[in-house]
Amino acid sequence: MNKILLIIKREYLSRVKKKSFILMTIIGPVLMVGIMIVPIWLSMQKTEKQKVEVVDESFLFTGLIPEKESVHFDYPPITLDQARKGFFDTDYNAILWIPKNVLNGGQKGIKLLYKKQLSNTAQQHIQYSISKMLYEVMLAENHVNIDFIKDAKDKSEFSMLTMQVDEEGNDKKTNTGLYMGIGLVAAIMIYFFIFMYGVQVMRGVMEEKTSRIVEVILSSVKPFQLMMGKIIGVALVGLTQFLLWVILSTTLYSFASATILRSIDIKQNVAKEEVIKIGENLDQTKMGKNEDPNEMTQLWNDFKSVDMVSITLCFLFYFLAGYLMYSALFAAIGAAVDSEADTNQFMLPITVPLIFSFGIAQTVMQDPEGSLAFWFSMIPLTSPVVMMVRLPFGVPAWEIIVSMSLLVLGFLFTTWLAARIYRTGILMYGKKVTWKELGKWLFYKG
């Protein structure tokens, strides 16, 4: 046991001191927080106002297309030919042409001519505004009560409240979208960590084997002790990096919340107040008042209702057990080959279950209680990813216990299997190994 501890210490210290480990530990949280914060910050930045010259031959939209912070409309009394002739001598970014017969099938002929590509936001605003106004004009032309249609539409739109009922009859509010997000993130992290650290074990074994250092090491320890020491050592490196990511990410996000997100929230509240103050018609005022400023607060409350303690503990278990199971197989591959080019034929069968489990994650999220989700959360080779996808939706305790038990048994079996290959392959040089040869190594005695 002391020898295994020495190997674990050597593997752990040699890896955490590497520049690559330190850089990834710092860069990882920065990237994760940046992915969450930067898009929000960019969306709040003011864009250059784009001017559009409207040539409305139908006279239905003149002066009526709603302005936007990034789009301004002018309605000069000219024809399309006149607008095109002096287009490049003006400061207009685009010409919007609306034909006379726009109500009689001419809407397909509406054109937006531009010098340079307009922003996607501006194009969508123009298309949506024209479409909405055409709809209302057509209703009015046919003497349909527009206010009644709007009122019916507003009253018919709703957000369905989903509740989970437990065996005691208590109701618990649920948020399927949030659960899907948590499950997917957890699955990605499990997949990423198992693959990344498992490959590190394989490469570490290969390096020691090709440099012949392993011959010196094996004079003092048994092959099984060396293999377990490397696997556990790298596992501790992974746990250290994960915990540091959690701490740094939480710190960075707290700082961003107190600075960047707070300023964004203030801007949003000011903008909402301005919309209410300057709303010139009833629709604008209603729109400003009906916006829900507590949407993010509600999402946060839903997040707090999730049992993150249980999910985190299960994450740590499935990460460790899944990693130990797969890394034993990766170690066996590293011991069996002499170069990384030779690993391809052995890597595919091992990684297929892991890749497959990640591939069916979307299906599992759509039906977390289905038979597909159940069985693949029980099979040891796929349960680390699939069970993490299911957990936020709520999984019976007995299913979790069975899944964990089977994963532990799977780890013990793969470790025994890998140890049989490792003890022979680690001292085998210069020979092209086949699957048949690996099968023989399993039954070697001694």
Foldseek 3Di string as FASTA:
>chain_A
DVLLVVLLVVLQVVPCPDPVLVVCLVVVLVVVLCVVQVVLLVVPDQDAAAEEEEAEQQPLCQPPQDDDSRYHYDYDPDHPVVCVVCVVVDRHFWYWYQDNVCLPPSVVVTDIGGPDDDDPVVVVSVVVRVVVSSVVVVCVVVVHDPVVVVVVVVVPDDDDWDWDADPVGDTDTADLVVLQVQLLVLLVVLLVLLVVLLLVLLVVLLVCLLVVVVVVVCVPDALLSNSSSNLVSSVVSSVVSVVSSVVVNVVVNVVCCVPVVVVSLVVVVVVLVVQCVPVPDPVSNCVSVPDDSCPVVVVVVNVVSFPVVVLVVLSSLLSSLQNLLLSLQSNLLSLQDNDPVLSVVVVVVLCVLSVVLSVCLVVCSVPVPDPVLLVLCQQLSNVSSSVSSNPRVPDDPVSSVNSSVSSNVSSVVSNLLSSLSNNPSSNDPDDRDDPVNSVVSSPDDD
